[in-house]
Amino acid sequence: MKSLLTVLALALAAPLPPLAATPPSTEAPARPELAAQVDAYLEPLLKRDLISGSVLLARGGEVLVAKGFGPANREWDAANGVDTKFRLGSLSKQFTAAAILLLEQRGQLRLEDPLAKYLPGFPRADRITLHQLLSHTSGLANFNQLPDYWEKNLHHLPLREVIDWFKDQPPRAQPGESWNYSNAGFTLLAAVIEKVSGRDFAAFLRDELFRPLGMTATGVDEHEDILGRRADGYVRDENGVKRVSYRDMAFMNGAGSIYSTVGDLFRWDRALRSHKPLNGTSLERLFTPVKENYACGWFVDRRFGRRLISHSGDITGFRCDMQRFVDDDVSVILLLNFESTFTAAVARDLGAMALGEPCKPALLPEGVPVPPGTLAEMAGTYALDARNALALAVKDGRLFASAPGMPEAVAVPQGGTVFFIQAWNGMLRVLRGPEGGVTGLRLTQGARTIPAKRLP
């Protein structure tokens, strides 16, 4: 077995702040007490080498906390800062969506147009609209799940060749029928942008979005470019922290190829708030959900009882999250160059801190007491797949986990039925059925969650 580690209304516009040439400073945070809270929260994770990146918290256009933490490059012992450039993964989709809305705003296309108008050779293109591509309701399969995906993304392929590679895959649903997350849809949108504008995807974003807004530290990540302050991506497996394998980022154009900094993403946040470059009508379309709370490159939901526009990103060695609490005018931007299992929890808790809501520690290193009888109930064997299983056993009053290809490791209780396994870079949640008995578990490692059913 391989290693397991492997529609809402628009907020009121606010004036666009000056676009400084330098990133937000960390020398004197606007809210030192909040900065101290963030530091204390991150400290257990940093001490155990479980996270690294940059964060920015802001309210009403004022940066409250902006700082880097952990290494950007471990070989040179270079630290992350607020000016460090990170790969955004699926946070890139918001820029593809904005580019499409900008072209519609200029009268060069319509969201209701069929894909066939721009890419007539694509199968079923006469039945798929641009809006369906933007909202993940096109029915297209996600090409990340194709068997040769990890081999293909090593190559620098023109956009048309990437599309030729996945175009004949059977759809998952009929257009407009249901919500199915698909990177393929946003790759097709990148091709539409090139077709309509007559320019390369990266050049269009640079000239029409990034440069006009002063986002000089944002662009499409090209391996050959000399890019100052570029972070390397890392992952932890059973042998420790490693650099991630090479992949060609332009392969993900439209869906996940952009890099940026927390400062530039804050400039983007303020620009959207000020109807730049999109007007009110375009922004309303951008932020109006279609299915499953998904609009156009953004999720629209509620958290802490507040309206939230957000998206996360995950691409080899990098995880990130951007939250916009629109009524409170609070923004939280988290960029990591580490496949941290704690990303979702940290992002949520940073949002809570920025809003003044209570939050618990992301990690309790020493654990919490668990009655011996409760641990004994969890002991057993759990099927990971048809061939492999994970075993839980109680030894000397502690719960231990073992699985093929992984070292036996202690599972430290975090409260309830959640356990932390540092040697696996994993969080384990034990599941109970309606009658209270243990029925299975979920193991989360980085961005991956593995379910396992308890065996008799």
Protein backbone atom coordinates (compact mmCIF):
# COMPACT_ATOMS: atom_id res chain seq x y z
CA MET A 1 0.00 0.00 0.00
CA LYS A 2 1.23 3.47 -0.75
CA SER A 3 1.65 5.88 2.17
CA LEU A 4 -1.61 7.42 3.37
CA LEU A 5 0.09 10.81 3.24
CA THR A 6 0.61 10.79 -0.29
CA VAL A 7 -27.15 35.16 -3.19
CA LEU A 8 -26.54 37.36 -1.29
CA ALA A 9 -26.89 41.12 -1.57
CA LEU A 10 -23.75 43.16 -2.18
CA ALA A 11 -22.12 44.81 0.79
CA LEU A 12 -21.97 48.60 0.79
CA ALA A 13 -19.05 49.94 -1.18
CA ALA A 14 -16.13 51.44 0.71
CA PRO A 15 -13.40 53.70 -0.70
CA LEU A 16 -10.43 51.86 -2.17
CA PRO A 17 -7.38 52.51 0.03
CA PRO A 18 -4.11 53.67 -1.52
CA LEU A 19 -2.32 50.76 -3.17
CA ALA A 20 1.01 50.84 -1.42
CA ALA A 21 4.10 49.68 -3.26
CA THR A 22 5.21 47.69 -0.21
CA PRO A 23 3.34 44.93 1.61
CA PRO A 24 1.63 45.49 4.98
CA SER A 25 4.14 45.87 7.79
CA THR A 26 4.47 43.47 10.70
CA GLU A 27 6.59 45.85 12.78
CA ALA A 28 3.69 47.44 14.64
CA PRO A 29 0.43 45.53 14.29
CA ALA A 30 -2.69 47.69 14.52
CA ARG A 31 -4.04 45.37 17.20
CA PRO A 32 -1.11 44.04 19.27
CA GLU A 33 -3.46 42.09 21.54
CA LEU A 34 -4.90 40.31 18.51
CA ALA A 35 -1.39 39.66 17.17
CA ALA A 36 -0.46 38.11 20.53
CA GLN A 37 -3.56 35.91 20.38
CA VAL A 38 -2.63 34.73 16.89
CA ASP A 39 0.94 34.02 17.99
CA ALA A 40 -0.19 32.00 21.00
CA TYR A 41 -2.62 30.03 18.87
CA LEU A 42 -0.01 29.14 16.22
CA GLU A 43 2.82 28.39 18.65
CA PRO A 44 1.99 24.70 19.37
CA LEU A 45 1.74 24.00 15.63
CA LEU A 46 4.99 25.82 14.81
CA LYS A 47 6.84 24.13 17.65
CA ARG A 48 5.96 20.74 16.18
CA ASP A 49 6.62 21.79 12.57
CA LEU A 50 3.00 21.33 11.50
CA ILE A 51 2.39 24.63 9.70
CA SER A 52 4.15 27.47 7.87
CA GLY A 53 2.89 30.43 5.88
CA SER A 54 1.52 33.98 6.11
CA VAL A 55 -1.66 35.46 7.51
CA LEU A 56 -3.51 38.77 7.27
CA LEU A 57 -6.53 39.87 9.33
CA ALA A 58 -8.28 43.15 8.50
CA ARG A 59 -11.42 45.08 9.41
CA GLY A 60 -12.89 48.04 7.53
CA GLY A 61 -9.83 48.40 5.34
CA GLU A 62 -7.43 48.44 8.31
CA VAL A 63 -4.84 45.67 8.57
CA LEU A 64 -5.05 44.35 12.12
CA VAL A 65 -2.42 41.61 11.87
CA ALA A 66 -0.12 40.69 8.99
CA LYS A 67 2.77 38.32 9.52
CA GLY A 68 4.70 35.38 8.18
CA PHE A 69 5.56 32.30 10.23
CA GLY A 70 7.73 29.26 9.66
CA PRO A 71 10.14 28.68 6.77
CA ALA A 72 9.59 29.71 3.15
CA ASN A 73 12.68 27.73 2.11
CA ARG A 74 14.15 25.16 4.45
CA GLU A 75 17.39 24.67 2.54
CA TRP A 76 18.36 28.33 2.97
CA ASP A 77 16.54 28.78 6.28
CA ALA A 78 14.54 31.63 4.74
CA ALA A 79 11.51 32.74 6.73
CA ASN A 80 8.03 33.47 5.43
CA GLY A 81 6.94 37.11 5.46
CA VAL A 82 3.96 39.12 4.34
CA ASP A 83 5.67 39.56 0.97
CA THR A 84 6.22 35.83 0.39
CA LYS A 85 4.54 34.48 -2.74
CA PHE A 86 2.44 31.35 -2.39
CA ARG A 87 0.64 29.14 -4.89
CA LEU A 88 -3.10 29.67 -4.48
CA GLY A 89 -4.57 26.48 -5.91
CA SER A 90 -8.32 26.92 -6.28
CA LEU A 91 -8.27 30.47 -4.91
CA SER A 92 -7.22 31.15 -8.50
CA LYS A 93 -10.79 30.45 -9.66
CA GLN A 94 -12.05 33.81 -8.40
CA PHE A 95 -9.75 35.59 -10.85
CA THR A 96 -10.89 33.45 -13.78
CA ALA A 97 -14.49 34.22 -12.79
CA ALA A 98 -13.74 37.95 -12.51
CA ALA A 99 -12.10 37.94 -15.94
CA ILE A 100 -15.19 36.33 -17.50
CA LEU A 101 -17.48 38.86 -15.75
CA LEU A 102 -15.22 41.71 -16.93
CA LEU A 103 -15.56 40.51 -20.53
CA GLU A 104 -19.33 40.34 -20.10
CA GLN A 105 -19.30 43.85 -18.60
CA ARG A 106 -17.55 45.04 -21.76
CA GLY A 107 -20.14 43.34 -23.98
CA GLN A 108 -17.72 40.75 -25.37
CA LEU A 109 -19.64 37.70 -24.11
CA ARG A 110 -22.67 36.67 -22.02
CA LEU A 111 -22.77 34.15 -19.20
CA GLU A 112 -25.75 32.53 -20.90
CA ASP A 113 -23.72 31.87 -24.05
CA PRO A 114 -23.17 28.21 -24.91
CA LEU A 115 -19.58 27.03 -24.76
CA ALA A 116 -19.97 26.02 -28.44
CA LYS A 117 -19.89 29.71 -29.40
CA TYR A 118 -16.22 29.85 -28.34
CA LEU A 119 -15.01 26.23 -28.35
CA PRO A 120 -17.20 24.50 -30.96
CA GLY A 121 -15.13 21.31 -31.01
CA PHE A 122 -15.72 20.44 -27.37
CA PRO A 123 -18.20 17.58 -26.81
CA ARG A 124 -21.71 18.69 -25.77
CA ALA A 125 -20.55 22.33 -25.91
CA ASP A 126 -23.91 23.40 -27.33
CA ARG A 127 -25.58 22.28 -24.08
CA ILE A 128 -23.15 23.84 -21.58
CA THR A 129 -23.26 27.57 -20.74
CA LEU A 130 -20.41 29.70 -19.43
CA HIS A 131 -22.42 30.27 -16.25
CA GLN A 132 -22.63 26.55 -15.67
CA LEU A 133 -18.86 26.28 -16.00
CA LEU A 134 -18.43 29.12 -13.48
CA SER A 135 -20.80 27.55 -10.97
CA HIS A 136 -19.68 23.90 -11.27
CA THR A 137 -23.08 22.90 -12.67
CA SER A 138 -21.87 21.88 -16.15
CA GLY A 139 -21.82 18.20 -15.24
CA LEU A 140 -18.19 17.86 -16.37
CA ALA A 141 -15.97 15.43 -14.52
CA ASN A 142 -13.04 16.73 -12.47
CA PHE A 143 -9.87 15.90 -14.40
CA ASN A 144 -7.85 15.55 -11.17
CA GLN A 145 -9.45 12.12 -10.81
CA LEU A 146 -8.20 10.78 -14.13
CA PRO A 147 -5.63 7.94 -13.80
CA ASP A 148 -2.86 9.78 -15.69
CA TYR A 149 -3.41 13.18 -14.05
CA TRP A 150 -0.21 13.08 -12.00
CA GLU A 151 1.86 12.12 -15.04
CA LYS A 152 0.24 14.71 -17.31
CA ASN A 153 0.77 17.68 -15.00
CA LEU A 154 4.53 17.22 -15.19
CA HIS A 155 4.48 18.50 -18.77
CA HIS A 156 4.27 22.07 -20.05
CA LEU A 157 1.27 21.60 -22.32
CA PRO A 158 -0.54 24.29 -24.31
CA LEU A 159 -4.06 24.92 -23.06
CA ARG A 160 -5.58 23.25 -26.12
CA GLU A 161 -3.65 20.04 -25.40
CA VAL A 162 -4.84 19.96 -21.79
CA ILE A 163 -8.42 20.29 -23.07
CA ASP A 164 -7.85 17.58 -25.71
CA TRP A 165 -6.64 15.30 -22.91
CA PHE A 166 -9.86 15.46 -20.85
CA LYS A 167 -12.54 16.41 -23.39
CA ASP A 168 -13.77 12.86 -24.11
CA GLN A 169 -14.33 11.93 -20.47
CA PRO A 170 -17.96 10.96 -19.76
CA PRO A 171 -19.89 13.66 -17.88
CA ARG A 172 -20.93 13.13 -14.28
CA ALA A 173 -24.35 14.75 -14.81
CA GLN A 174 -26.45 16.64 -17.32
CA PRO A 175 -25.71 20.39 -17.59
CA GLY A 176 -27.55 22.32 -14.88
CA GLU A 177 -28.75 19.16 -13.15
CA SER A 178 -26.48 19.14 -10.10
CA TRP A 179 -23.33 20.62 -8.51
CA ASN A 180 -20.09 18.78 -9.27
CA TYR A 181 -16.79 20.50 -8.53
CA SER A 182 -14.73 20.46 -11.73
CA ASN A 183 -11.35 22.00 -12.48
CA ALA A 184 -11.99 21.11 -16.11
CA GLY A 185 -14.76 23.73 -16.28
CA PHE A 186 -12.41 26.53 -15.24
CA THR A 187 -9.73 25.36 -17.67
CA LEU A 188 -12.32 25.72 -20.43
CA LEU A 189 -13.08 29.23 -19.15
CA ALA A 190 -9.40 30.13 -19.48
CA ALA A 191 -9.60 29.05 -23.11
CA VAL A 192 -12.72 31.21 -23.57
CA ILE A 193 -10.84 34.20 -22.13
CA GLU A 194 -8.03 33.65 -24.63
CA LYS A 195 -10.47 33.22 -27.52
CA VAL A 196 -12.50 36.35 -26.75
CA SER A 197 -9.63 38.64 -25.74
CA GLY A 198 -7.09 37.43 -28.29
CA ARG A 199 -4.50 37.31 -25.51
CA ASP A 200 -2.75 34.70 -23.45
CA PHE A 201 -4.60 33.87 -20.21
CA ALA A 202 -1.73 34.99 -17.98
CA ALA A 203 -1.27 38.22 -19.94
CA PHE A 204 -4.99 39.08 -19.77
CA LEU A 205 -5.08 38.68 -15.99
CA ARG A 206 -1.86 40.65 -15.59
CA ASP A 207 -2.94 43.57 -17.81
CA GLU A 208 -6.65 43.75 -16.94
CA LEU A 209 -6.78 42.75 -13.28
CA PHE A 210 -3.46 42.65 -11.48
CA ARG A 211 -1.53 45.67 -12.76
CA PRO A 212 -4.46 48.13 -12.65
CA LEU A 213 -5.00 47.24 -9.00
CA GLY A 214 -1.33 47.40 -8.01
CA MET A 215 -1.11 43.65 -7.47
CA THR A 216 2.51 43.47 -8.54
CA ALA A 217 3.22 40.30 -6.56
CA THR A 218 0.52 38.22 -8.30
CA GLY A 219 0.62 36.23 -11.53
CA VAL A 220 0.57 32.81 -13.16
CA ASP A 221 3.33 30.64 -11.70
CA GLU A 222 5.86 29.60 -14.34
CA HIS A 223 8.67 27.28 -13.31
CA GLU A 224 11.25 29.06 -15.47
CA ASP A 225 10.59 32.54 -14.08
CA ILE A 226 12.96 34.09 -11.56
CA LEU A 227 10.43 34.99 -8.89
CA GLY A 228 11.71 36.77 -5.81
CA ARG A 229 10.30 35.65 -2.44
CA ARG A 230 8.68 32.53 -3.92
CA ALA A 231 7.92 29.96 -1.21
CA ASP A 232 8.74 26.30 -1.69
CA GLY A 233 6.01 23.78 -0.90
CA TYR A 234 6.40 21.07 1.73
CA VAL A 235 4.62 17.97 2.98
CA ARG A 236 5.16 15.71 5.98
CA ASP A 237 5.12 11.94 5.63
CA GLU A 238 6.20 9.10 7.89
CA ASN A 239 9.86 10.03 7.27
CA GLY A 240 9.52 13.71 8.11
CA VAL A 241 9.10 16.95 6.14
CA LYS A 242 9.94 16.85 2.42
CA ARG A 243 9.82 19.18 -0.56
CA VAL A 244 6.92 18.33 -2.83
CA SER A 245 7.44 16.92 -6.28
CA TYR A 246 7.63 19.12 -9.39
CA ARG A 247 4.49 19.94 -11.34
CA ASP A 248 3.82 22.37 -14.19
CA MET A 249 1.56 25.09 -12.86
CA ALA A 250 0.38 26.39 -16.25
CA PHE A 251 -1.28 22.99 -16.66
CA MET A 252 -3.85 24.30 -14.14
CA ASN A 253 -4.51 27.62 -15.94
CA GLY A 254 -7.98 28.86 -15.12
CA ALA A 255 -8.39 26.44 -12.23
CA GLY A 256 -5.35 26.80 -9.97
CA SER A 257 -2.15 28.28 -11.43
CA ILE A 258 -1.89 31.69 -9.72
CA TYR A 259 0.53 32.80 -7.01
CA SER A 260 0.09 35.81 -4.74
CA THR A 261 0.79 37.32 -1.30
CA VAL A 262 -1.49 38.14 1.61
CA GLY A 263 -0.98 41.84 0.85
CA ASP A 264 -1.99 41.54 -2.79
CA LEU A 265 -5.05 39.46 -1.91
CA PHE A 266 -6.05 42.18 0.55
CA ARG A 267 -5.75 44.74 -2.26
CA TRP A 268 -8.03 42.49 -4.32
CA ASP A 269 -10.49 42.27 -1.44
CA ARG A 270 -10.65 46.07 -1.16
CA ALA A 271 -11.00 46.45 -4.93
CA LEU A 272 -14.02 44.14 -4.97
CA ARG A 273 -15.46 46.10 -2.06
CA SER A 274 -15.09 49.29 -4.10
CA HIS A 275 -16.56 47.89 -7.35
CA LYS A 276 -13.20 47.78 -9.13
CA PRO A 277 -12.76 46.49 -11.76
CA LEU A 278 -16.26 44.96 -11.71
CA ASN A 279 -19.37 47.13 -11.42
CA GLY A 280 -22.32 46.41 -9.14
CA THR A 281 -24.19 44.31 -11.69
CA SER A 282 -21.15 42.13 -12.36
CA LEU A 283 -20.44 41.71 -8.66
CA GLU A 284 -24.02 40.64 -8.03
CA ARG A 285 -23.64 37.89 -10.62
CA LEU A 286 -20.23 36.95 -9.21
CA PHE A 287 -21.63 36.46 -5.71
CA THR A 288 -25.08 34.96 -6.46
CA PRO A 289 -25.15 31.23 -5.54
CA VAL A 290 -26.48 28.68 -8.02
CA LYS A 291 -26.31 25.34 -6.22
CA GLU A 292 -24.66 24.12 -3.01
CA ASN A 293 -23.92 27.72 -1.94
CA TYR A 294 -21.53 28.11 -4.87
CA ALA A 295 -21.65 31.29 -6.97
CA CYS A 296 -18.91 32.03 -9.54
CA GLY A 297 -15.53 31.05 -8.10
CA TRP A 298 -16.78 31.72 -4.54
CA PHE A 299 -18.79 29.93 -1.87
CA VAL A 300 -21.51 32.07 -0.28
CA ASP A 301 -22.54 30.89 3.16
CA ARG A 302 -22.86 31.82 6.84
CA ARG A 303 -20.41 31.35 9.68
CA PHE A 304 -20.69 32.57 13.25
CA GLY A 305 -24.16 33.77 12.24
CA ARG A 306 -22.59 36.14 9.70
CA ARG A 307 -22.66 36.26 5.92
CA LEU A 308 -19.46 34.89 4.44
CA ILE A 309 -17.94 34.82 0.95
CA SER A 310 -14.99 32.45 0.86
CA HIS A 311 -12.92 29.87 -0.95
CA SER A 312 -10.05 27.58 -0.11
CA GLY A 313 -7.21 26.28 -2.24
CA ASP A 314 -5.11 23.14 -2.24
CA ILE A 315 -2.27 22.37 -4.63
CA THR A 316 0.81 20.23 -4.09
CA GLY A 317 2.67 21.62 -1.07
CA PHE A 318 0.34 24.58 -0.54
CA ARG A 319 -2.99 25.15 1.22
CA CYS A 320 -4.82 28.46 1.56
CA ASP A 321 -8.09 30.07 2.55
CA MET A 322 -9.73 33.48 2.03
CA GLN A 323 -12.74 34.64 4.05
CA ARG A 324 -14.76 37.85 3.56
CA PHE A 325 -17.33 38.53 6.28
CA VAL A 326 -19.12 41.09 4.16
CA ASP A 327 -21.46 42.74 6.70
CA ASP A 328 -18.65 43.15 9.23
CA ASP A 329 -16.13 44.13 6.52
CA VAL A 330 -13.69 41.65 8.01
CA SER A 331 -11.18 39.80 5.84
CA VAL A 332 -9.05 36.80 6.78
CA ILE A 333 -6.36 35.54 4.39
CA LEU A 334 -4.30 32.45 5.16
CA LEU A 335 -1.58 31.20 2.78
CA LEU A 336 0.44 28.10 3.67
CA ASN A 337 3.42 26.44 1.99
CA PHE A 338 2.83 23.25 3.93
CA GLU A 339 0.18 20.58 3.48
CA SER A 340 -1.06 21.13 7.00
CA THR A 341 -3.81 18.94 8.39
CA PHE A 342 -4.85 21.95 10.48
CA THR A 343 -5.59 24.36 7.61
CA ALA A 344 -9.39 24.33 7.87
CA ALA A 345 -9.36 24.62 11.67
CA VAL A 346 -6.79 27.43 11.64
CA ALA A 347 -8.69 29.38 8.98
CA ARG A 348 -11.94 29.10 10.90
CA ASP A 349 -10.33 30.08 14.20
CA LEU A 350 -8.52 33.08 12.70
CA GLY A 351 -11.92 34.23 11.46
CA ALA A 352 -13.28 33.85 14.97
CA MET A 353 -10.39 35.90 16.39
CA ALA A 354 -10.87 38.69 13.85
CA LEU A 355 -14.58 38.85 14.75
CA GLY A 356 -14.03 38.64 18.50
CA GLU A 357 -15.65 35.22 18.71
CA PRO A 358 -14.35 32.52 21.06
CA CYS A 359 -12.17 29.74 19.68
CA LYS A 360 -10.39 26.71 21.02
CA PRO A 361 -6.73 25.75 20.46
CA ALA A 362 -6.09 23.96 17.19
CA LEU A 363 -3.84 21.47 18.98
CA LEU A 364 -3.67 20.22 22.57
CA PRO A 365 -0.17 18.68 22.57
CA GLU A 366 -0.59 16.88 25.88
CA GLY A 367 -4.09 15.73 25.08
CA VAL A 368 -7.11 15.48 27.37
CA PRO A 369 -8.15 12.63 29.66
CA VAL A 370 -10.27 9.86 28.15
CA PRO A 371 -11.86 7.14 30.27
CA PRO A 372 -10.22 3.73 29.70
CA GLY A 373 -13.57 2.22 28.81
CA THR A 374 -14.06 4.77 26.03
CA LEU A 375 -10.66 3.93 24.56
CA ALA A 376 -11.45 0.23 24.74
CA GLU A 377 -14.63 0.82 22.71
CA MET A 378 -12.53 2.33 19.93
CA ALA A 379 -10.03 -0.51 19.70
CA GLY A 380 -10.49 -2.60 16.59
CA THR A 381 -9.82 -2.89 12.88
CA TYR A 382 -11.11 -0.46 10.24
CA ALA A 383 -11.14 -1.06 6.47
CA LEU A 384 -9.34 1.62 4.45
CA ASP A 385 -10.05 -0.17 1.16
CA ALA A 386 -10.56 -3.72 -0.11
CA ARG A 387 -7.03 -4.76 0.88
CA ASN A 388 -5.81 -2.54 3.69
CA ALA A 389 -6.95 -1.77 7.20
CA LEU A 390 -6.10 0.55 10.08
CA ALA A 391 -5.91 -0.88 13.56
CA LEU A 392 -6.50 0.88 16.90
CA ALA A 393 -5.18 -0.69 20.09
CA VAL A 394 -5.00 0.39 23.74
CA LYS A 395 -1.61 0.07 25.44
CA ASP A 396 -0.77 1.41 28.89
CA GLY A 397 -3.88 3.57 28.87
CA ARG A 398 -3.13 5.19 25.50
CA LEU A 399 -4.60 4.64 22.03
CA PHE A 400 -2.19 3.52 19.30
CA ALA A 401 -2.82 3.44 15.55
CA SER A 402 -1.11 1.27 12.93
CA ALA A 403 -1.57 0.82 9.19
CA PRO A 404 0.38 -0.69 6.26
CA GLY A 405 3.34 1.50 5.34
CA MET A 406 2.98 3.64 8.46
CA PRO A 407 4.73 3.43 11.81
CA GLU A 408 2.68 2.53 14.85
CA ALA A 409 1.96 5.84 16.58
CA VAL A 410 0.18 7.18 19.62
CA ALA A 411 -3.14 8.95 19.02
CA VAL A 412 -3.33 11.94 21.37
CA PRO A 413 -6.93 12.74 22.43
CA GLN A 414 -8.07 16.25 21.54
CA GLY A 415 -11.55 16.03 23.06
CA GLY A 416 -14.64 14.07 22.17
CA THR A 417 -13.68 11.42 19.63
CA VAL A 418 -10.87 13.36 17.90
CA PHE A 419 -7.22 12.28 18.13
CA PHE A 420 -3.97 13.75 16.79
CA ILE A 421 -1.31 11.46 15.32
CA GLN A 422 1.84 13.52 14.79
CA ALA A 423 3.85 10.73 13.16
CA TRP A 424 1.17 10.53 10.45
CA ASN A 425 0.48 14.27 10.19
CA GLY A 426 -3.09 13.18 10.81
CA MET A 427 -6.26 13.87 12.76
CA LEU A 428 -8.42 10.85 13.52
CA ARG A 429 -12.15 11.17 14.23
CA VAL A 430 -13.89 8.10 15.57
CA LEU A 431 -17.51 7.83 14.40
CA ARG A 432 -20.47 6.50 16.35
CA GLY A 433 -23.78 5.20 15.04
CA PRO A 434 -27.30 6.17 16.17
CA GLU A 435 -27.14 3.77 19.10
CA GLY A 436 -23.75 5.08 20.27
CA GLY A 437 -21.52 2.26 19.13
CA VAL A 438 -18.30 2.88 17.20
CA THR A 439 -18.99 2.33 13.49
CA GLY A 440 -15.96 3.78 11.70
CA LEU A 441 -13.50 6.60 11.53
CA ARG A 442 -12.15 9.40 9.32
CA LEU A 443 -8.43 10.04 8.98
CA THR A 444 -7.49 13.52 7.73
CA GLN A 445 -3.98 14.12 6.40
CA GLY A 446 -3.32 17.45 4.72
CA ALA A 447 -6.20 18.01 2.29
CA ARG A 448 -7.08 14.33 2.14
CA THR A 449 -9.77 12.63 4.23
CA ILE A 450 -9.92 8.83 4.27
CA PRO A 451 -13.06 7.11 5.60
CA ALA A 452 -12.81 3.67 7.17
CA LYS A 453 -15.61 1.31 8.22
CA ARG A 454 -15.20 -0.79 11.33
CA LEU A 455 -14.76 -4.48 10.63
CA PRO A 456 -16.54 -7.14 12.70
